[in-house]
Amino acid sequence: MSFLNRIHIGERYILAGTFTYSIFPVIVNYTVGRLPPIFFAAVSTLLAAIFLLLYLIATKQFPFQIPQVAWKYILGVTVFVVILPSILIYTGTQFTSSVNTAILLKTEVI
């Protein structure tokens, strides 16, 4: 594969990522008005986990060993960085607009 082909592939990935990232708040705002927010959070997180698993299998990086000591830290990150913010943001987004949802999704790390 030539250098220019790799550049074009990279540009397409960046454009696809930007489109996906920008359309997500609109999808969230539209969907939580029709489905329970917790259900949407669970489904979107499950889909992300499935795609990650498929990627790891396709790149032959799965299975891998996680040290026993790391499991409590992984659990803490999962609860406080993924689950709780998702519940709060998806529950709150049913009462606001897509623009405010995008701001919430951008600032959740803070």
Foldseek 3Di string as FASTA:
>chain_A
DDPVVVVVVVVVVVVVVVVCLLCVLVCLQVVCLPDPQLVVLVVVVVVVVVVVVVVCVVVVVPDDDDDPVCVVVVVVCCVQVRPVLSNVLSNVSPVDHSVVSSVSVVPSVD
